[in-house]
Amino acid sequence: MRRQFDEDLNRLKERLLTMAATAEQMIRDTTNMLLEWNLALFEPVRTSETTMDKFQRDIDEETVRLIAVHTPVAGDLRLLLMVTRINAELEHIADHTMDIGFYAKTMFKGPPLKPLVDLPRMAEITMGMLRGSLDAFSAAASDKALAVIAMDDKVDDLNDQTFRELMTYVLADPKAITRALELVLIARSYERIADHAVNIAEDVVYMVKGEDIRHRELAGAMPMGKAPS
């Protein structure tokens, strides 16, 4: 019985890693669309979105089946619960790539506002964070997960920098506001993708150590038993 559970679990993990690889490719394809200023390059992302939806359904169904059939406990149960959470985070990442395509469709109606420099850097970092978080999951390595979390500040800084720069374009030419807004929203989408990679890394820490590190700042700032005013 244990051998069957391990085999089923390994297949489930492989499916989740394939889903993650699909999400990473969606980010890459979306970024290529922006760099080439060509909405046609977004078509593979649309196709992958359907694939991601199927991955999410199949992985959730298989996770429920494994819990029902094998009644896992302790670390095994934590792992399966984290699979369902990571599954949802990956689907959210796919949704954000679709959002970028929506914003680009409007933006591409006019000429480029500026050379794209920070957005490709954000994309590269977010892809690295996603890849790192799933490597941490595969290796059950909390130290690798913590390294991913530490990368989030770089994306936040680039997002802030992009916003400040675009505001200078708007001040210089109010007619640029629509294109500037789309770029702000695209940068925000990359920032949200990074946040989901952080969430996956936090799930890995819980899976490995049984320690919930979400909302650490809030937990440290508010004494137990006291509600915020």
Protein backbone atom coordinates (compact mmCIF):
# COMPACT_ATOMS: atom_id res chain seq x y z
CA MET A 1 0.00 0.00 0.00
CA ARG A 2 2.82 2.40 0.85
CA ARG A 3 4.58 1.58 -2.42
CA GLN A 4 1.45 2.39 -4.40
CA PHE A 5 1.04 5.67 -2.54
CA ASP A 6 4.65 6.65 -3.27
CA GLU A 7 4.22 5.85 -6.97
CA ASP A 8 0.99 7.84 -7.18
CA LEU A 9 2.56 10.71 -5.29
CA ASN A 10 5.58 10.83 -7.59
CA ARG A 11 3.32 10.97 -10.64
CA LEU A 12 1.36 13.79 -9.05
CA LYS A 13 4.53 15.75 -8.31
CA GLU A 14 5.73 15.25 -11.88
CA ARG A 15 2.42 16.59 -13.17
CA LEU A 16 2.72 19.64 -10.94
CA LEU A 17 6.26 20.29 -12.20
CA THR A 18 5.04 20.02 -15.79
CA MET A 19 2.34 22.56 -14.97
CA ALA A 20 4.99 24.87 -13.54
CA ALA A 21 7.11 24.51 -16.68
CA THR A 22 4.06 25.47 -18.75
CA ALA A 23 3.52 28.56 -16.58
CA GLU A 24 7.16 29.57 -17.01
CA GLN A 25 6.84 29.23 -20.78
CA MET A 26 3.75 31.41 -20.70
CA ILE A 27 5.76 34.15 -19.00
CA ARG A 28 8.53 33.77 -21.58
CA ASP A 29 6.11 33.88 -24.54
CA THR A 30 4.33 36.90 -23.09
CA THR A 31 7.62 38.74 -22.67
CA ASN A 32 8.67 37.92 -26.24
CA MET A 33 5.36 39.38 -27.43
CA LEU A 34 6.17 42.65 -25.66
CA LEU A 35 9.75 42.81 -26.90
CA GLU A 36 8.74 42.08 -30.49
CA TRP A 37 5.67 44.35 -30.23
CA ASN A 38 3.68 41.59 -31.92
CA LEU A 39 0.34 40.43 -30.52
CA ALA A 40 0.41 37.32 -32.73
CA LEU A 41 3.16 35.94 -30.50
CA PHE A 42 0.59 35.76 -27.70
CA GLU A 43 -1.37 32.93 -29.34
CA PRO A 44 0.68 30.13 -27.66
CA VAL A 45 -0.20 31.70 -24.30
CA ARG A 46 -3.92 31.47 -25.07
CA THR A 47 -3.50 27.79 -25.89
CA SER A 48 -1.47 27.17 -22.75
CA GLU A 49 -4.16 28.80 -20.60
CA THR A 50 -6.57 26.00 -21.56
CA THR A 51 -3.88 23.46 -20.71
CA MET A 52 -3.32 25.09 -17.32
CA ASP A 53 -7.01 24.93 -16.49
CA LYS A 54 -7.00 21.19 -17.22
CA PHE A 55 -3.86 20.72 -15.12
CA GLN A 56 -5.56 22.44 -12.20
CA ARG A 57 -8.66 20.26 -12.36
CA ASP A 58 -6.74 17.01 -12.80
CA ILE A 59 -4.24 17.72 -10.03
CA ASP A 60 -6.95 18.72 -7.56
CA GLU A 61 -8.97 15.60 -8.37
CA GLU A 62 -5.96 13.33 -7.98
CA THR A 63 -4.96 14.97 -4.70
CA VAL A 64 -8.43 14.43 -3.26
CA ARG A 65 -8.34 10.81 -4.43
CA LEU A 66 -4.98 10.17 -2.77
CA ILE A 67 -6.19 11.66 0.51
CA ALA A 68 -9.40 9.61 0.40
CA VAL A 69 -7.76 6.32 -0.56
CA HIS A 70 -4.54 6.44 1.47
CA THR A 71 -5.56 8.69 4.42
CA PRO A 72 -2.05 10.15 4.76
CA VAL A 73 -0.88 11.81 7.96
CA ALA A 74 1.85 14.21 9.12
CA GLY A 75 4.37 15.06 6.39
CA ASP A 76 2.53 13.18 3.65
CA LEU A 77 -0.68 15.06 4.35
CA ARG A 78 1.14 18.40 4.46
CA LEU A 79 2.70 17.63 1.10
CA LEU A 80 -0.66 16.88 -0.52
CA LEU A 81 -2.24 19.98 0.97
CA MET A 82 0.62 22.08 -0.37
CA VAL A 83 0.20 20.50 -3.79
CA THR A 84 -3.34 21.89 -3.93
CA ARG A 85 -2.10 25.34 -2.87
CA ILE A 86 0.79 25.38 -5.32
CA ASN A 87 -1.60 24.19 -8.02
CA ALA A 88 -3.80 27.24 -7.38
CA GLU A 89 -0.79 29.61 -7.36
CA LEU A 90 0.34 28.31 -10.76
CA GLU A 91 -3.11 28.87 -12.21
CA HIS A 92 -3.06 32.44 -10.88
CA ILE A 93 0.30 32.98 -12.59
CA ALA A 94 -1.25 31.86 -15.86
CA ASP A 95 -4.09 34.34 -15.31
CA HIS A 96 -1.60 37.18 -14.91
CA THR A 97 0.08 36.32 -18.20
CA MET A 98 -3.35 36.54 -19.81
CA ASP A 99 -3.82 39.95 -18.18
CA ILE A 100 -0.57 41.14 -19.76
CA GLY A 101 -1.89 40.12 -23.17
CA PHE A 102 -5.08 42.08 -22.53
CA TYR A 103 -3.13 45.21 -21.59
CA ALA A 104 -0.79 44.79 -24.56
CA LYS A 105 -3.71 44.61 -26.99
CA THR A 106 -4.65 48.16 -26.06
CA MET A 107 -1.06 49.39 -25.86
CA PHE A 108 -0.14 48.03 -29.31
CA LYS A 109 -2.68 50.35 -30.94
CA GLY A 110 -0.09 53.11 -30.70
CA PRO A 111 3.70 53.32 -31.12
CA PRO A 112 5.97 52.22 -28.29
CA LEU A 113 6.17 54.81 -25.53
CA LYS A 114 9.72 53.86 -24.54
CA PRO A 115 12.26 51.07 -24.92
CA LEU A 116 11.36 48.14 -22.68
CA VAL A 117 14.22 47.66 -20.26
CA ASP A 118 12.87 46.99 -16.77
CA LEU A 119 9.97 44.76 -17.83
CA PRO A 120 12.23 42.08 -19.38
CA ARG A 121 14.37 42.20 -16.22
CA MET A 122 11.26 41.71 -14.10
CA ALA A 123 10.21 38.81 -16.30
CA GLU A 124 13.61 37.14 -16.01
CA ILE A 125 13.63 37.44 -12.23
CA THR A 126 10.07 36.17 -11.89
CA MET A 127 10.83 33.16 -14.08
CA GLY A 128 13.86 32.46 -11.91
CA MET A 129 11.74 32.76 -8.78
CA LEU A 130 9.12 30.38 -10.16
CA ARG A 131 11.77 27.90 -11.22
CA GLY A 132 13.51 28.20 -7.85
CA SER A 133 10.34 27.68 -5.86
CA LEU A 134 9.53 24.48 -7.74
CA ASP A 135 13.12 23.27 -7.42
CA ALA A 136 12.70 23.80 -3.67
CA PHE A 137 9.47 21.81 -3.78
CA SER A 138 11.04 18.98 -5.74
CA ALA A 139 14.05 18.80 -3.41
CA ALA A 140 11.99 19.48 -0.25
CA ALA A 141 14.57 22.17 0.55
CA SER A 142 13.44 25.03 2.78
CA ASP A 143 16.73 26.91 2.30
CA LYS A 144 16.11 27.10 -1.45
CA ALA A 145 12.57 28.32 -0.76
CA LEU A 146 13.88 31.08 1.51
CA ALA A 147 16.30 32.17 -1.23
CA VAL A 148 13.34 32.65 -3.58
CA ILE A 149 11.53 34.78 -1.02
CA ALA A 150 14.59 37.02 -0.71
CA MET A 151 14.47 37.74 -4.47
CA ASP A 152 11.08 39.42 -4.24
CA ASP A 153 12.52 42.80 -3.24
CA LYS A 154 14.28 43.06 -6.61
CA VAL A 155 10.98 42.77 -8.45
CA ASP A 156 9.30 45.25 -6.12
CA ASP A 157 12.11 47.75 -6.72
CA LEU A 158 11.83 47.39 -10.49
CA ASN A 159 8.07 47.82 -10.30
CA ASP A 160 8.47 51.04 -8.32
CA GLN A 161 11.18 52.26 -10.68
CA THR A 162 8.98 51.58 -13.71
CA PHE A 163 6.11 53.53 -12.18
CA ARG A 164 8.28 56.54 -11.37
CA GLU A 165 9.80 56.60 -14.85
CA LEU A 166 6.44 56.35 -16.58
CA MET A 167 5.07 59.22 -14.55
CA THR A 168 7.78 61.44 -16.04
CA TYR A 169 6.52 60.56 -19.52
CA VAL A 170 2.96 61.43 -18.54
CA LEU A 171 4.01 64.77 -17.06
CA ALA A 172 5.91 65.59 -20.23
CA ASP A 173 3.09 64.50 -22.56
CA PRO A 174 -0.43 63.94 -21.13
CA LYS A 175 -1.38 62.16 -24.37
CA ALA A 176 0.93 59.33 -23.30
CA ILE A 177 -1.23 58.46 -20.30
CA THR A 178 -3.01 55.47 -21.88
CA ARG A 179 0.19 53.74 -23.02
CA ALA A 180 1.87 54.59 -19.72
CA LEU A 181 -1.04 53.11 -17.76
CA GLU A 182 -0.88 49.87 -19.73
CA LEU A 183 2.84 49.57 -18.97
CA VAL A 184 2.17 50.23 -15.28
CA LEU A 185 -0.44 47.45 -15.27
CA ILE A 186 1.91 45.08 -17.09
CA ALA A 187 4.66 45.76 -14.54
CA ARG A 188 2.11 45.17 -11.79
CA SER A 189 1.24 41.80 -13.36
CA TYR A 190 4.89 40.72 -13.29
CA GLU A 191 5.06 41.85 -9.68
CA ARG A 192 2.01 39.73 -8.85
CA ILE A 193 3.57 36.71 -10.58
CA ALA A 194 6.58 37.15 -8.31
CA ASP A 195 4.24 37.29 -5.31
CA HIS A 196 2.74 33.95 -6.32
CA ALA A 197 6.23 32.46 -6.60
CA VAL A 198 6.84 33.70 -3.05
CA ASN A 199 3.61 32.04 -1.94
CA ILE A 200 4.81 28.76 -3.43
CA ALA A 201 8.13 29.11 -1.60
CA GLU A 202 6.29 29.75 1.67
CA ASP A 203 4.20 26.63 1.02
CA VAL A 204 7.41 24.64 0.57
CA VAL A 205 8.71 25.85 3.94
CA TYR A 206 5.48 24.69 5.56
CA MET A 207 5.63 21.36 3.72
CA VAL A 208 9.19 20.70 4.87
CA LYS A 209 9.24 22.17 8.37
CA GLY A 210 5.57 22.42 9.35
CA GLU A 211 6.18 26.14 9.96
CA ASP A 212 3.77 28.75 8.59
CA ILE A 213 5.88 31.79 7.71
CA ARG A 214 3.13 33.78 6.01
CA HIS A 215 2.30 37.20 7.50
CA ARG A 216 5.45 37.14 9.62
CA GLU A 217 5.54 40.92 9.92
CA LEU A 218 2.00 41.03 11.29
CA ALA A 219 2.68 38.22 13.73
CA GLY A 220 5.76 39.98 15.02
CA ALA A 221 4.10 43.36 15.38
CA MET A 222 0.95 42.35 17.22
CA PRO A 223 1.14 40.67 20.65
CA MET A 224 -0.91 37.52 21.09
CA GLY A 225 -4.41 38.12 22.37
CA LYS A 226 -4.57 41.75 21.17
CA ALA A 227 -6.64 42.79 18.21
CA PRO A 228 -5.46 45.58 15.93
CA SER A 229 -7.07 48.92 16.68
